[in-house]
Amino acid sequence: MTEREGILQLDLHDAYQEPLRENVDILLRDQGLTDNPVVRGLDGSKRLQITAVQIS
C-alpha cells in the first residue's frame, strides 16, 4: 500500500448547524503510526485545514 500526503478540511458546527463560535482543539490519532498530532486553540468558526495527513 502506498502512502500519500493529504489535506483534512473541517467545517465545525453546533447541534443547530450554526458555525462554532469558540476555539477548538484537534487531536488526531493514527492507528498504524506513532504520530498523533495535536493542534490547539483554532478558531472553530472558520474552515480548518490540517496538512501533511498521511493517506494509505
N, C-alpha and C. Protein backbone atom coordinates (compact mmCIF):
# COMPACT_ATOMS: atom_id res chain seq x y z
N MET A 1 0.84 -1.17 0.00
CA MET A 1 0.00 0.00 0.00
C MET A 1 0.89 1.24 0.00
N THR A 2 0.63 2.18 -0.88
CA THR A 2 1.42 3.40 -0.93
C THR A 2 0.82 4.45 -0.02
N GLU A 3 1.68 5.31 0.49
CA GLU A 3 1.21 6.41 1.34
C GLU A 3 1.38 7.72 0.62
N ARG A 4 0.43 8.62 0.79
CA ARG A 4 0.46 9.95 0.21
C ARG A 4 0.11 10.95 1.30
N GLU A 5 0.44 12.21 1.03
CA GLU A 5 0.05 13.25 1.97
C GLU A 5 -1.23 13.90 1.47
N GLY A 6 -2.09 14.24 2.39
CA GLY A 6 -3.36 14.88 2.04
C GLY A 6 -3.63 16.07 2.93
N ILE A 7 -4.77 16.68 2.69
CA ILE A 7 -5.23 17.82 3.49
C ILE A 7 -6.59 17.47 4.06
N LEU A 8 -6.73 17.61 5.35
CA LEU A 8 -8.00 17.39 6.03
C LEU A 8 -8.67 18.75 6.22
N GLN A 9 -9.86 18.93 5.66
CA GLN A 9 -10.60 20.18 5.83
C GLN A 9 -11.80 19.92 6.73
N LEU A 10 -11.97 20.79 7.72
CA LEU A 10 -13.06 20.63 8.68
C LEU A 10 -13.89 21.91 8.75
N ASP A 11 -15.20 21.76 8.65
CA ASP A 11 -16.15 22.82 8.93
C ASP A 11 -16.92 22.37 10.17
N LEU A 12 -16.79 23.08 11.26
CA LEU A 12 -17.35 22.66 12.53
C LEU A 12 -18.65 23.40 12.83
N HIS A 13 -19.68 22.65 13.22
CA HIS A 13 -21.00 23.21 13.50
C HIS A 13 -21.52 22.69 14.83
N ASP A 14 -22.41 23.46 15.45
CA ASP A 14 -23.04 23.02 16.69
C ASP A 14 -24.27 22.16 16.35
N ALA A 15 -25.03 21.79 17.34
CA ALA A 15 -26.20 20.93 17.16
C ALA A 15 -27.29 21.58 16.33
N TYR A 16 -27.25 22.91 16.18
CA TYR A 16 -28.25 23.64 15.39
C TYR A 16 -27.72 23.99 14.00
N GLN A 17 -26.61 23.37 13.60
CA GLN A 17 -25.96 23.58 12.30
C GLN A 17 -25.41 24.99 12.12
N GLU A 18 -25.16 25.69 13.22
CA GLU A 18 -24.52 27.00 13.19
C GLU A 18 -23.01 26.80 13.37
N PRO A 19 -22.20 27.63 12.72
CA PRO A 19 -20.75 27.52 12.93
C PRO A 19 -20.39 27.71 14.41
N LEU A 20 -19.41 26.95 14.86
CA LEU A 20 -18.96 27.10 16.24
C LEU A 20 -18.39 28.50 16.44
N ARG A 21 -18.60 29.07 17.58
CA ARG A 21 -18.09 30.41 17.88
C ARG A 21 -17.14 30.37 19.06
N GLU A 22 -16.26 29.37 19.01
CA GLU A 22 -15.28 29.24 20.07
C GLU A 22 -14.04 28.56 19.51
N ASN A 23 -12.97 28.61 20.27
CA ASN A 23 -11.75 27.93 19.87
C ASN A 23 -11.88 26.44 20.11
N VAL A 24 -11.18 25.67 19.28
CA VAL A 24 -11.25 24.22 19.39
C VAL A 24 -9.84 23.63 19.41
N ASP A 25 -9.74 22.44 19.96
CA ASP A 25 -8.52 21.64 19.92
C ASP A 25 -8.79 20.43 19.04
N ILE A 26 -7.85 20.10 18.15
CA ILE A 26 -7.98 18.96 17.26
C ILE A 26 -6.89 17.96 17.64
N LEU A 27 -7.29 16.74 17.95
CA LEU A 27 -6.36 15.67 18.27
C LEU A 27 -6.58 14.56 17.25
N LEU A 28 -5.53 14.21 16.52
CA LEU A 28 -5.61 13.16 15.52
C LEU A 28 -4.86 11.94 16.01
N ARG A 29 -5.37 10.77 15.66
CA ARG A 29 -4.72 9.53 16.08
C ARG A 29 -4.55 8.64 14.88
N ASP A 30 -3.33 8.26 14.61
CA ASP A 30 -3.03 7.32 13.54
C ASP A 30 -2.85 5.94 14.16
N GLN A 31 -3.70 5.01 13.79
CA GLN A 31 -3.67 3.69 14.41
C GLN A 31 -2.48 2.86 13.97
N GLY A 32 -1.85 3.24 12.84
CA GLY A 32 -0.72 2.47 12.35
C GLY A 32 0.63 3.06 12.69
N LEU A 33 0.67 4.32 13.03
CA LEU A 33 1.93 5.00 13.33
C LEU A 33 1.90 5.57 14.74
N THR A 34 3.04 6.08 15.17
CA THR A 34 3.09 6.71 16.49
C THR A 34 2.88 8.21 16.41
N ASP A 35 2.64 8.73 15.20
CA ASP A 35 2.43 10.16 15.01
C ASP A 35 0.99 10.51 15.38
N ASN A 36 0.81 11.28 16.44
CA ASN A 36 -0.51 11.71 16.91
C ASN A 36 -0.51 13.22 17.07
N PRO A 37 -0.67 13.95 15.95
CA PRO A 37 -0.60 15.41 16.03
C PRO A 37 -1.74 16.03 16.84
N VAL A 38 -1.43 17.12 17.51
CA VAL A 38 -2.39 17.89 18.29
C VAL A 38 -2.26 19.35 17.88
N VAL A 39 -3.39 19.97 17.56
CA VAL A 39 -3.43 21.39 17.23
C VAL A 39 -4.41 22.03 18.19
N ARG A 40 -3.99 23.08 18.89
CA ARG A 40 -4.84 23.67 19.92
C ARG A 40 -5.16 25.14 19.62
N GLY A 41 -6.33 25.55 20.08
CA GLY A 41 -6.71 26.96 20.02
C GLY A 41 -7.09 27.48 18.65
N LEU A 42 -7.62 26.61 17.78
CA LEU A 42 -8.03 27.05 16.46
C LEU A 42 -9.41 27.70 16.51
N ASP A 43 -9.64 28.65 15.63
CA ASP A 43 -10.93 29.34 15.55
C ASP A 43 -11.94 28.40 14.90
N GLY A 44 -12.89 27.90 15.68
CA GLY A 44 -13.87 26.94 15.20
C GLY A 44 -14.90 27.51 14.25
N SER A 45 -14.95 28.83 14.07
CA SER A 45 -15.93 29.42 13.16
C SER A 45 -15.44 29.44 11.72
N LYS A 46 -14.17 29.14 11.50
CA LYS A 46 -13.59 29.16 10.15
C LYS A 46 -13.32 27.74 9.67
N ARG A 47 -13.21 27.58 8.35
CA ARG A 47 -12.82 26.27 7.80
C ARG A 47 -11.38 25.99 8.22
N LEU A 48 -11.17 24.84 8.79
CA LEU A 48 -9.84 24.45 9.25
C LEU A 48 -9.20 23.53 8.23
N GLN A 49 -7.91 23.73 7.96
CA GLN A 49 -7.16 22.86 7.08
C GLN A 49 -5.96 22.32 7.84
N ILE A 50 -5.85 21.02 7.89
CA ILE A 50 -4.72 20.37 8.54
C ILE A 50 -3.97 19.65 7.43
N THR A 51 -2.71 20.03 7.23
CA THR A 51 -1.92 19.50 6.13
C THR A 51 -1.03 18.35 6.59
N ALA A 52 -0.44 17.69 5.63
CA ALA A 52 0.52 16.60 5.85
C ALA A 52 -0.14 15.41 6.55
N VAL A 53 -1.41 15.17 6.23
CA VAL A 53 -2.10 13.99 6.76
C VAL A 53 -1.70 12.82 5.89
N GLN A 54 -1.24 11.73 6.50
CA GLN A 54 -0.82 10.55 5.76
C GLN A 54 -2.04 9.73 5.32
N ILE A 55 -2.12 9.46 4.02
CA ILE A 55 -3.21 8.66 3.47
C ILE A 55 -2.59 7.35 2.98
N SER A 56 -3.13 6.24 3.41
CA SER A 56 -2.60 4.95 2.94
C SER A 56 -3.66 4.17 2.21
